[in-house]
């Protein structure tokens, strides 16, 4: 009996693991996170109100995946953008948008 080929297109990040005679030794492939997923993860981490475990649960990933995402340059860029936005918002709220100091 010849095993049936498995689909190579991952769905939501993980290819289904086959068991039984059709199981193969191919590694499980993961899709990289989308910009929206990285942005949401960065926003939740930036808020700093939830643990990494809680953030991962909200995102539908495991904590280890969140740890890997935190090492990505696009994650760091998203957090930096949030920090810059907050600083600008705080400056405008504190000094007024039209006033400037010399």
PDB file of N, CA and C in Angstrom:
ATOM      1  N   UNK A   1       0.837  -1.178   0.000  1.00  0.00           N
ATOM      2  CA  UNK A   1       0.000   0.000   0.000  1.00  0.00           C
ATOM      3  C   UNK A   1       0.883   1.243   0.000  1.00  0.00           C
ATOM      4  N   UNK A   2       0.616   2.144  -0.918  1.00  0.00           N
ATOM      5  CA  UNK A   2       1.400   3.362  -1.048  1.00  0.00           C
ATOM      6  C   UNK A   2       0.737   4.460  -0.222  1.00  0.00           C
ATOM      7  N   UNK A   3       1.516   5.168   0.634  1.00  0.00           N
ATOM      8  CA  UNK A   3       0.907   6.234   1.432  1.00  0.00           C
ATOM      9  C   UNK A   3       0.453   7.385   0.546  1.00  0.00           C
ATOM     10  N   UNK A   4      -0.656   7.977   0.934  1.00  0.00           N
ATOM     11  CA  UNK A   4      -1.170   9.121   0.204  1.00  0.00           C
ATOM     12  C   UNK A   4      -0.333  10.355   0.523  1.00  0.00           C
ATOM     13  N   UNK A   5      -0.076  11.203  -0.475  1.00  0.00           N
ATOM     14  CA  UNK A   5       0.706  12.413  -0.189  1.00  0.00           C
ATOM     15  C   UNK A   5      -0.094  13.373   0.675  1.00  0.00           C
ATOM     16  N   UNK A   6       0.625  14.048   1.578  1.00  0.00           N
ATOM     17  CA  UNK A   6      -0.021  15.025   2.437  1.00  0.00           C
ATOM     18  C   UNK A   6       0.006  16.375   1.765  1.00  0.00           C
ATOM     19  N   UNK A   7      -0.922  17.195   2.139  1.00  0.00           N
ATOM     20  CA  UNK A   7      -0.963  18.564   1.650  1.00  0.00           C
ATOM     21  C   UNK A   7       0.227  19.322   2.222  1.00  0.00           C
ATOM     22  N   UNK A   8       0.877  20.109   1.403  1.00  0.00           N
ATOM     23  CA  UNK A   8       2.029  20.893   1.859  1.00  0.00           C
ATOM     24  C   UNK A   8       1.639  22.319   2.218  1.00  0.00           C
ATOM     25  N   UNK A   9       0.357  22.654   2.114  1.00  0.00           N
ATOM     26  CA  UNK A   9      -0.060  24.026   2.425  1.00  0.00           C
ATOM     27  C   UNK A   9      -0.497  24.119   3.880  1.00  0.00           C
ATOM     28  N   UNK A  10       0.316  24.780   4.714  1.00  0.00           N
ATOM     29  CA  UNK A  10      -0.033  24.898   6.130  1.00  0.00           C
ATOM     30  C   UNK A  10      -1.265  25.773   6.327  1.00  0.00           C
ATOM     31  N   UNK A  11      -2.052  25.409   7.290  1.00  0.00           N
ATOM     32  CA  UNK A  11      -3.265  26.167   7.595  1.00  0.00           C
ATOM     33  C   UNK A  11      -3.149  26.707   9.012  1.00  0.00           C
ATOM     34  N   UNK A  12      -3.219  28.035   9.144  1.00  0.00           N
ATOM     35  CA  UNK A  12      -3.109  28.724  10.425  1.00  0.00           C
ATOM     36  C   UNK A  12      -1.820  28.372  11.157  1.00  0.00           C
ATOM     37  N   UNK A  13      -0.738  28.183  10.409  1.00  0.00           N
ATOM     38  CA  UNK A  13       0.552  28.076  11.036  1.00  0.00           C
ATOM     39  C   UNK A  13       1.125  26.690  11.205  1.00  0.00           C
ATOM     40  N   UNK A  14       0.309  25.658  11.179  1.00  0.00           N
ATOM     41  CA  UNK A  14       0.840  24.323  11.434  1.00  0.00           C
ATOM     42  C   UNK A  14       0.216  23.336  10.464  1.00  0.00           C
ATOM     43  N   UNK A  15       1.042  22.485   9.899  1.00  0.00           N
ATOM     44  CA  UNK A  15       0.517  21.405   9.080  1.00  0.00           C
ATOM     45  C   UNK A  15       0.023  20.304   9.993  1.00  0.00           C
ATOM     46  N   UNK A  16      -1.085  19.680   9.651  1.00  0.00           N
ATOM     47  CA  UNK A  16      -1.596  18.624  10.520  1.00  0.00           C
ATOM     48  C   UNK A  16      -0.612  17.460  10.597  1.00  0.00           C
ATOM     49  N   UNK A  17      -0.424  16.943  11.774  1.00  0.00           N
ATOM     50  CA  UNK A  17       0.480  15.810  11.955  1.00  0.00           C
ATOM     51  C   UNK A  17      -0.289  14.527  11.672  1.00  0.00           C
ATOM     52  N   UNK A  18       0.222  13.732  10.750  1.00  0.00           N
ATOM     53  CA  UNK A  18      -0.430  12.467  10.406  1.00  0.00           C
ATOM     54  C   UNK A  18       0.062  11.380  11.342  1.00  0.00           C
ATOM     55  N   UNK A  19      -0.806  10.439  11.594  1.00  0.00           N
ATOM     56  CA  UNK A  19      -0.426   9.296  12.409  1.00  0.00           C
ATOM     57  C   UNK A  19      -0.770   8.041  11.643  1.00  0.00           C
ATOM     58  N   UNK A  20      -0.159   6.981  12.000  1.00  0.00           N
ATOM     59  CA  UNK A  20      -0.442   5.717  11.345  1.00  0.00           C
ATOM     60  C   UNK A  20       0.479   5.485  10.159  1.00  0.00           C
ATOM     61  N   UNK A  21       0.063   4.628   9.215  1.00  0.00           N
ATOM     62  CA  UNK A  21       0.939   4.263   8.108  1.00  0.00           C
ATOM     63  C   UNK A  21       1.255   5.432   7.174  1.00  0.00           C
ATOM     64  N   UNK A  22       0.392   6.448   7.127  1.00  0.00           N
ATOM     65  CA  UNK A  22       0.639   7.575   6.225  1.00  0.00           C
ATOM     66  C   UNK A  22       1.564   8.629   6.831  1.00  0.00           C
ATOM     67  N   UNK A  23       1.987   8.441   8.073  1.00  0.00           N
ATOM     68  CA  UNK A  23       2.874   9.405   8.727  1.00  0.00           C
ATOM     69  C   UNK A  23       4.231   9.415   8.039  1.00  0.00           C
ATOM     70  N   UNK A  24       4.770  10.625   7.878  1.00  0.00           N
ATOM     71  CA  UNK A  24       6.070  10.777   7.241  1.00  0.00           C
ATOM     72  C   UNK A  24       7.001  11.522   8.188  1.00  0.00           C
ATOM     73  N   UNK A  25       8.262  11.482   7.887  1.00  0.00           N
ATOM     74  CA  UNK A  25       9.255  12.115   8.743  1.00  0.00           C
ATOM     75  C   UNK A  25       9.489  13.577   8.365  1.00  0.00           C
ATOM     76  N   UNK A  26       8.639  14.166   7.515  1.00  0.00           N
ATOM     77  CA  UNK A  26       8.806  15.560   7.121  1.00  0.00           C
ATOM     78  C   UNK A  26       8.666  16.468   8.333  1.00  0.00           C
ATOM     79  N   UNK A  27       9.465  17.531   8.399  1.00  0.00           N
ATOM     80  CA  UNK A  27       9.317  18.461   9.512  1.00  0.00           C
ATOM     81  C   UNK A  27       8.009  19.236   9.391  1.00  0.00           C
ATOM     82  N   UNK A  28       7.495  19.650  10.523  1.00  0.00           N
ATOM     83  CA  UNK A  28       6.280  20.454  10.535  1.00  0.00           C
ATOM     84  C   UNK A  28       6.669  21.863  10.123  1.00  0.00           C
ATOM     85  N   UNK A  29       5.929  22.452   9.200  1.00  0.00           N
ATOM     86  CA  UNK A  29       6.229  23.788   8.692  1.00  0.00           C
ATOM     87  C   UNK A  29       5.324  24.810   9.356  1.00  0.00           C
ATOM     88  N   UNK A  30       5.859  25.969   9.654  1.00  0.00           N
ATOM     89  CA  UNK A  30       5.099  27.037  10.271  1.00  0.00           C
ATOM     90  C   UNK A  30       5.063  28.227   9.334  1.00  0.00           C
ATOM     91  N   UNK A  31       3.929  28.882   9.278  1.00  0.00           N
ATOM     92  CA  UNK A  31       3.824  30.123   8.524  1.00  0.00           C
ATOM     93  C   UNK A  31       4.347  31.258   9.384  1.00  0.00           C
ATOM     94  N   UNK A  32       5.031  32.214   8.790  1.00  0.00           N
ATOM     95  CA  UNK A  32       5.435  33.374   9.597  1.00  0.00           C
ATOM     96  C   UNK A  32       4.200  34.169   9.988  1.00  0.00           C
ATOM     97  N   UNK A  33       4.281  34.913  11.066  1.00  0.00           N
ATOM     98  CA  UNK A  33       3.114  35.693  11.484  1.00  0.00           C
ATOM     99  C   UNK A  33       2.835  36.813  10.481  1.00  0.00           C
ATOM    100  N   UNK A  34       1.569  37.161  10.349  1.00  0.00           N
ATOM    101  CA  UNK A  34       1.199  38.277   9.486  1.00  0.00           C
ATOM    102  C   UNK A  34       1.518  39.579  10.207  1.00  0.00           C
ATOM    103  N   UNK A  35       1.521  40.665   9.465  1.00  0.00           N
ATOM    104  CA  UNK A  35       1.778  41.977  10.068  1.00  0.00           C
ATOM    105  C   UNK A  35       0.731  42.291  11.132  1.00  0.00           C
ATOM    106  N   UNK A  36      -0.507  41.899  10.886  1.00  0.00           N
ATOM    107  CA  UNK A  36      -1.581  42.140  11.853  1.00  0.00           C
ATOM    108  C   UNK A  36      -1.338  41.351  13.141  1.00  0.00           C
ATOM    109  N   UNK A  37      -0.885  40.108  13.018  1.00  0.00           N
ATOM    110  CA  UNK A  37      -0.606  39.292  14.203  1.00  0.00           C
ATOM    111  C   UNK A  37       0.552  39.869  15.009  1.00  0.00           C
ATOM    112  N   UNK A  38       1.597  40.297  14.313  1.00  0.00           N
ATOM    113  CA  UNK A  38       2.742  40.897  15.004  1.00  0.00           C
ATOM    114  C   UNK A  38       2.317  42.196  15.672  1.00  0.00           C
ATOM    115  N   UNK A  39       1.523  43.003  14.984  1.00  0.00           N
ATOM    116  CA  UNK A  39       1.059  44.267  15.554  1.00  0.00           C
ATOM    117  C   UNK A  39       0.217  44.070  16.791  1.00  0.00           C
ATOM    118  N   UNK A  40      -0.682  43.091  16.743  1.00  0.00           N
ATOM    119  CA  UNK A  40      -1.538  42.812  17.905  1.00  0.00           C
ATOM    120  C   UNK A  40      -0.699  42.300  19.075  1.00  0.00           C
ATOM    121  N   UNK A  41       0.247  41.410  18.783  1.00  0.00           N
ATOM    122  CA  UNK A  41       1.122  40.890  19.836  1.00  0.00           C
ATOM    123  C   UNK A  41       1.947  42.022  20.444  1.00  0.00           C
ATOM    124  N   UNK A  42       2.474  42.891  19.593  1.00  0.00           N
ATOM    125  CA  UNK A  42       3.276  44.011  20.090  1.00  0.00           C
ATOM    126  C   UNK A  42       2.431  44.938  20.954  1.00  0.00           C
ATOM    127  N   UNK A  43       1.196  45.187  20.527  1.00  0.00           N
ATOM    128  CA  UNK A  43       0.313  46.069  21.301  1.00  0.00           C
ATOM    129  C   UNK A  43       0.007  45.469  22.673  1.00  0.00           C
ATOM    130  N   UNK A  44      -0.271  44.178  22.707  1.00  0.00           N
ATOM    131  CA  UNK A  44      -0.562  43.528  23.984  1.00  0.00           C
ATOM    132  C   UNK A  44       0.666  43.529  24.891  1.00  0.00           C
ATOM    133  N   UNK A  45       1.848  43.305  24.325  1.00  0.00           N
ATOM    134  CA  UNK A  45       3.075  43.338  25.126  1.00  0.00           C
ATOM    135  C   UNK A  45       3.376  44.755  25.584  1.00  0.00           C
ATOM    136  N   UNK A  46       3.122  45.735  24.729  1.00  0.00           N
ATOM    137  CA  UNK A  46       3.400  47.130  25.063  1.00  0.00           C
ATOM    138  C   UNK A  46       2.518  47.612  26.205  1.00  0.00           C
ATOM    139  N   UNK A  47       1.271  47.147  26.248  1.00  0.00           N
ATOM    140  CA  UNK A  47       0.353  47.548  27.322  1.00  0.00           C
ATOM    141  C   UNK A  47       0.857  47.076  28.676  1.00  0.00           C
ATOM    142  N   UNK A  48       1.569  45.955  28.683  1.00  0.00           N
ATOM    143  CA  UNK A  48       2.204  45.420  29.884  1.00  0.00           C
ATOM    144  C   UNK A  48       1.211  45.188  31.023  1.00  0.00           C
ATOM    145  N   UNK A  49       0.023  44.687  30.688  1.00  0.00           N
ATOM    146  CA  UNK A  49      -0.967  44.370  31.714  1.00  0.00           C
ATOM    147  C   UNK A  49      -1.203  42.864  31.836  1.00  0.00           C
ATOM    148  N   UNK A  50      -0.749  42.084  30.864  1.00  0.00           N
ATOM    149  CA  UNK A  50      -0.953  40.640  30.864  1.00  0.00           C
ATOM    150  C   UNK A  50       0.388  39.926  30.860  1.00  0.00           C
ATOM    151  N   UNK A  51       0.385  38.699  31.357  1.00  0.00           N
ATOM    152  CA  UNK A  51       1.596  37.884  31.288  1.00  0.00           C
ATOM    153  C   UNK A  51       1.766  37.370  29.860  1.00  0.00           C
ATOM    154  N   UNK A  52       2.962  36.901  29.538  1.00  0.00           N
ATOM    155  CA  UNK A  52       3.200  36.336  28.212  1.00  0.00           C
ATOM    156  C   UNK A  52       2.275  35.153  27.951  1.00  0.00           C
ATOM    157  N   UNK A  53       2.012  34.361  28.975  1.00  0.00           N
ATOM    158  CA  UNK A  53       1.100  33.216  28.832  1.00  0.00           C
ATOM    159  C   UNK A  53      -0.308  33.692  28.455  1.00  0.00           C
ATOM    160  N   UNK A  54      -0.785  34.748  29.098  1.00  0.00           N
ATOM    161  CA  UNK A  54      -2.110  35.282  28.797  1.00  0.00           C
ATOM    162  C   UNK A  54      -2.159  35.904  27.402  1.00  0.00           C
ATOM    163  N   UNK A  55      -1.095  36.601  27.015  1.00  0.00           N
ATOM    164  CA  UNK A  55      -1.027  37.197  25.682  1.00  0.00           C
ATOM    165  C   UNK A  55      -1.047  36.104  24.619  1.00  0.00           C
ATOM    166  N   UNK A  56      -0.239  35.080  24.825  1.00  0.00           N
ATOM    167  CA  UNK A  56      -0.194  33.969  23.872  1.00  0.00           C
ATOM    168  C   UNK A  56      -1.564  33.314  23.747  1.00  0.00           C
ATOM    169  N   UNK A  57      -2.250  33.135  24.858  1.00  0.00           N
ATOM    170  CA  UNK A  57      -3.578  32.527  24.830  1.00  0.00           C
ATOM    171  C   UNK A  57      -4.547  33.381  24.019  1.00  0.00           C
ATOM    172  N   UNK A  58      -4.493  34.703  24.212  1.00  0.00           N
ATOM    173  CA  UNK A  58      -5.372  35.599  23.448  1.00  0.00           C
ATOM    174  C   UNK A  58      -5.078  35.539  21.958  1.00  0.00           C
ATOM    175  N   UNK A  59      -3.808  35.336  21.614  1.00  0.00           N
ATOM    176  CA  UNK A  59      -3.416  35.291  20.210  1.00  0.00           C
ATOM    177  C   UNK A  59      -3.620  33.910  19.587  1.00  0.00           C
ATOM    178  N   UNK A  60      -3.886  32.916  20.419  1.00  0.00           N
ATOM    179  CA  UNK A  60      -4.073  31.561  19.909  1.00  0.00           C
ATOM    180  C   UNK A  60      -2.764  30.868  19.572  1.00  0.00           C
ATOM    181  N   UNK A  61      -1.699  31.244  20.281  1.00  0.00           N
ATOM    182  CA  UNK A  61      -0.389  30.636  20.086  1.00  0.00           C
ATOM    183  C   UNK A  61       0.128  30.173  21.440  1.00  0.00           C
ATOM    184  N   UNK A  62       1.262  29.486  21.432  1.00  0.00           N
ATOM    185  CA  UNK A  62       1.877  29.084  22.689  1.00  0.00           C
ATOM    186  C   UNK A  62       2.901  30.142  23.099  1.00  0.00           C
ATOM    187  N   UNK A  63       3.270  30.136  24.374  1.00  0.00           N
ATOM    188  CA  UNK A  63       4.192  31.144  24.903  1.00  0.00           C
ATOM    189  C   UNK A  63       5.527  31.124  24.176  1.00  0.00           C
ATOM    190  N   UNK A  64       5.976  29.948  23.791  1.00  0.00           N
ATOM    191  CA  UNK A  64       7.258  29.808  23.073  1.00  0.00           C
ATOM    192  C   UNK A  64       7.207  30.537  21.733  1.00  0.00           C
ATOM    193  N   UNK A  65       6.077  30.470  21.056  1.00  0.00           N
ATOM    194  CA  UNK A  65       5.924  31.175  19.783  1.00  0.00           C
ATOM    195  C   UNK A  65       5.993  32.678  20.013  1.00  0.00           C
ATOM    196  N   UNK A  66       5.346  33.153  21.065  1.00  0.00           N
ATOM    197  CA  UNK A  66       5.416  34.580  21.392  1.00  0.00           C
ATOM    198  C   UNK A  66       6.858  34.994  21.661  1.00  0.00           C
ATOM    199  N   UNK A  67       7.606  34.151  22.351  1.00  0.00           N
ATOM    200  CA  UNK A  67       9.015  34.447  22.633  1.00  0.00           C
ATOM    201  C   UNK A  67       9.810  34.560  21.328  1.00  0.00           C
ATOM    202  N   UNK A  68       9.502  33.690  20.359  1.00  0.00           N
ATOM    203  CA  UNK A  68      10.181  33.777  19.059  1.00  0.00           C
ATOM    204  C   UNK A  68       9.783  35.048  18.327  1.00  0.00           C
ATOM    205  N   UNK A  69       8.495  35.410  18.376  1.00  0.00           N
ATOM    206  CA  UNK A  69       8.033  36.626  17.712  1.00  0.00           C
ATOM    207  C   UNK A  69       8.722  37.861  18.287  1.00  0.00           C
ATOM    208  N   UNK A  70       8.971  37.845  19.599  1.00  0.00           N
ATOM    209  CA  UNK A  70       9.610  39.000  20.241  1.00  0.00           C
ATOM    210  C   UNK A  70      11.023  39.239  19.720  1.00  0.00           C
ATOM    211  N   UNK A  71      11.635  38.237  19.131  1.00  0.00           N
ATOM    212  CA  UNK A  71      12.985  38.368  18.588  1.00  0.00           C
ATOM    213  C   UNK A  71      12.986  38.881  17.144  1.00  0.00           C
ATOM    214  N   UNK A  72      11.823  39.000  16.538  1.00  0.00           N
ATOM    215  CA  UNK A  72      11.728  39.432  15.132  1.00  0.00           C
ATOM    216  C   UNK A  72      11.915  40.949  15.019  1.00  0.00           C
ATOM    217  N   UNK A  73      12.586  41.400  13.955  1.00  0.00           N
ATOM    218  CA  UNK A  73      12.764  42.842  13.772  1.00  0.00           C
ATOM    219  C   UNK A  73      11.446  43.592  13.586  1.00  0.00           C
ATOM    220  N   UNK A  74      10.462  42.964  12.947  1.00  0.00           N
ATOM    221  CA  UNK A  74       9.179  43.652  12.751  1.00  0.00           C
ATOM    222  C   UNK A  74       8.427  43.821  14.073  1.00  0.00           C
ATOM    223  N   UNK A  75       8.632  42.911  15.019  1.00  0.00           N
ATOM    224  CA  UNK A  75       8.028  43.053  16.340  1.00  0.00           C
ATOM    225  C   UNK A  75       8.659  44.242  17.065  1.00  0.00           C
ATOM    226  N   UNK A  76       9.988  44.317  17.016  1.00  0.00           N
ATOM    227  CA  UNK A  76      10.692  45.432  17.655  1.00  0.00           C
ATOM    228  C   UNK A  76      10.274  46.757  17.032  1.00  0.00           C
ATOM    229  N   UNK A  77      10.087  46.777  15.719  1.00  0.00           N
ATOM    230  CA  UNK A  77       9.659  47.999  15.038  1.00  0.00           C
ATOM    231  C   UNK A  77       8.248  48.398  15.459  1.00  0.00           C
ATOM    232  N   UNK A  78       7.377  47.416  15.644  1.00  0.00           N
ATOM    233  CA  UNK A  78       6.007  47.713  16.070  1.00  0.00           C
ATOM    234  C   UNK A  78       5.994  48.285  17.487  1.00  0.00           C
ATOM    235  N   UNK A  79       6.794  47.725  18.374  1.00  0.00           N
ATOM    236  CA  UNK A  79       6.874  48.241  19.743  1.00  0.00           C
ATOM    237  C   UNK A  79       7.465  49.647  19.731  1.00  0.00           C
ATOM    238  N   UNK A  80       8.498  49.875  18.921  1.00  0.00           N
ATOM    239  CA  UNK A  80       9.106  51.214  18.820  1.00  0.00           C
ATOM    240  C   UNK A  80       8.093  52.228  18.297  1.00  0.00           C
ATOM    241  N   UNK A  81       7.278  51.823  17.335  1.00  0.00           N
ATOM    242  CA  UNK A  81       6.249  52.718  16.801  1.00  0.00           C
ATOM    243  C   UNK A  81       5.217  53.051  17.877  1.00  0.00           C
ATOM    244  N   UNK A  82       4.841  52.078  18.677  1.00  0.00           N
ATOM    245  CA  UNK A  82       3.895  52.321  19.765  1.00  0.00           C
ATOM    246  C   UNK A  82       4.492  53.257  20.811  1.00  0.00           C
ATOM    247  N   UNK A  83       5.766  53.076  21.115  1.00  0.00           N
ATOM    248  CA  UNK A  83       6.434  53.958  22.083  1.00  0.00           C
ATOM    249  C   UNK A  83       6.486  55.392  21.553  1.00  0.00           C
ATOM    250  N   UNK A  84       6.831  55.541  20.273  1.00  0.00           N
ATOM    251  CA  UNK A  84       6.895  56.875  19.673  1.00  0.00           C
ATOM    252  C   UNK A  84       5.516  57.522  19.672  1.00  0.00           C
ATOM    253  N   UNK A  85       4.493  56.741  19.332  1.00  0.00           N
ATOM    254  CA  UNK A  85       3.125  57.272  19.315  1.00  0.00           C
ATOM    255  C   UNK A  85       2.713  57.727  20.710  1.00  0.00           C
ATOM    256  N   UNK A  86       3.064  56.936  21.730  1.00  0.00           N
ATOM    257  CA  UNK A  86       2.696  57.311  23.093  1.00  0.00           C
ATOM    258  C   UNK A  86       3.436  58.579  23.525  1.00  0.00           C
ATOM    259  N   UNK A  87       4.703  58.695  23.185  1.00  0.00           N
ATOM    260  CA  UNK A  87       5.465  59.895  23.540  1.00  0.00           C
ATOM    261  C   UNK A  87       4.875  61.134  22.870  1.00  0.00           C
ATOM    262  N   UNK A  88       4.502  61.010  21.605  1.00  0.00           N
ATOM    263  CA  UNK A  88       3.887  62.137  20.896  1.00  0.00           C
ATOM    264  C   UNK A  88       2.554  62.497  21.537  1.00  0.00           C
ATOM    265  N   UNK A  89       1.760  61.489  21.855  1.00  0.00           N
ATOM    266  CA  UNK A  89       0.460  61.731  22.494  1.00  0.00           C
ATOM    267  C   UNK A  89       0.635  62.394  23.850  1.00  0.00           C
ATOM    268  N   UNK A  90       1.611  61.923  24.623  1.00  0.00           N
ATOM    269  CA  UNK A  90       1.869  62.512  25.943  1.00  0.00           C
ATOM    270  C   UNK A  90       2.351  63.953  25.807  1.00  0.00           C
ATOM    271  N   UNK A  91       3.217  64.230  24.836  1.00  0.00           N
ATOM    272  CA  UNK A  91       3.714  65.591  24.623  1.00  0.00           C
ATOM    273  C   UNK A  91       2.577  66.532  24.240  1.00  0.00           C
ATOM    274  N   UNK A  92       1.701  66.074  23.354  1.00  0.00           N
ATOM    275  CA  UNK A  92       0.579  66.913  22.929  1.00  0.00           C
ATOM    276  C   UNK A  92      -0.402  67.140  24.070  1.00  0.00           C
ATOM    277  N   UNK A  93      -0.612  66.146  24.890  1.00  0.00           N
ATOM    278  CA  UNK A  93      -1.533  66.269  26.007  1.00  0.00           C
ATOM    279  C   UNK A  93      -0.954  67.176  27.104  1.00  0.00           C
ATOM    280  N   UNK A  94       0.362  67.116  27.285  1.00  0.00           N
ATOM    281  CA  UNK A  94       0.993  67.875  28.356  1.00  0.00           C
ATOM    282  C   UNK A  94       1.306  69.306  28.005  1.00  0.00           C
ATOM    283  N   UNK A  95       1.739  69.576  26.781  1.00  0.00           N
ATOM    284  CA  UNK A  95       2.169  70.916  26.413  1.00  0.00           C
ATOM    285  C   UNK A  95       1.232  71.605  25.434  1.00  0.00           C
ATOM    286  N   UNK A  96       0.298  70.875  24.887  1.00  0.00           N
ATOM    287  CA  UNK A  96      -0.581  71.443  23.872  1.00  0.00           C
ATOM    288  C   UNK A  96       0.034  71.324  22.509  1.00  0.00           C
ATOM    289  N   UNK A  97      -0.753  71.102  21.497  1.00  0.00           N
ATOM    290  CA  UNK A  97      -0.240  70.864  20.147  1.00  0.00           C
ATOM    291  C   UNK A  97       0.298  72.138  19.524  1.00  0.00           C
ATOM    292  N   UNK A  98      -0.200  73.314  19.926  1.00  0.00           N
ATOM    293  CA  UNK A  98       0.212  74.540  19.257  1.00  0.00           C
ATOM    294  C   UNK A  98       1.350  75.255  19.952  1.00  0.00           C
ATOM    295  N   UNK A  99       1.670  74.913  21.198  1.00  0.00           N
ATOM    296  CA  UNK A  99       2.730  75.622  21.916  1.00  0.00           C
ATOM    297  C   UNK A  99       4.051  74.929  21.710  1.00  0.00           C
ATOM    298  N   UNK A 100       5.117  75.729  21.707  1.00  0.00           N
ATOM    299  CA  UNK A 100       6.453  75.165  21.617  1.00  0.00           C
ATOM    300  C   UNK A 100       7.364  75.923  22.562  1.00  0.00           C
ATOM    301  N   UNK A 101       8.344  75.246  23.102  1.00  0.00           N
ATOM    302  CA  UNK A 101       9.266  75.902  24.022  1.00  0.00           C
ATOM    303  C   UNK A 101      10.634  75.975  23.397  1.00  0.00           C
ATOM    304  N   UNK A 102      11.357  77.049  23.699  1.00  0.00           N
ATOM    305  CA  UNK A 102      12.690  77.220  23.127  1.00  0.00           C
ATOM    306  C   UNK A 102      13.748  77.194  24.184  1.00  0.00           C
TER     307      UNK A 102
END
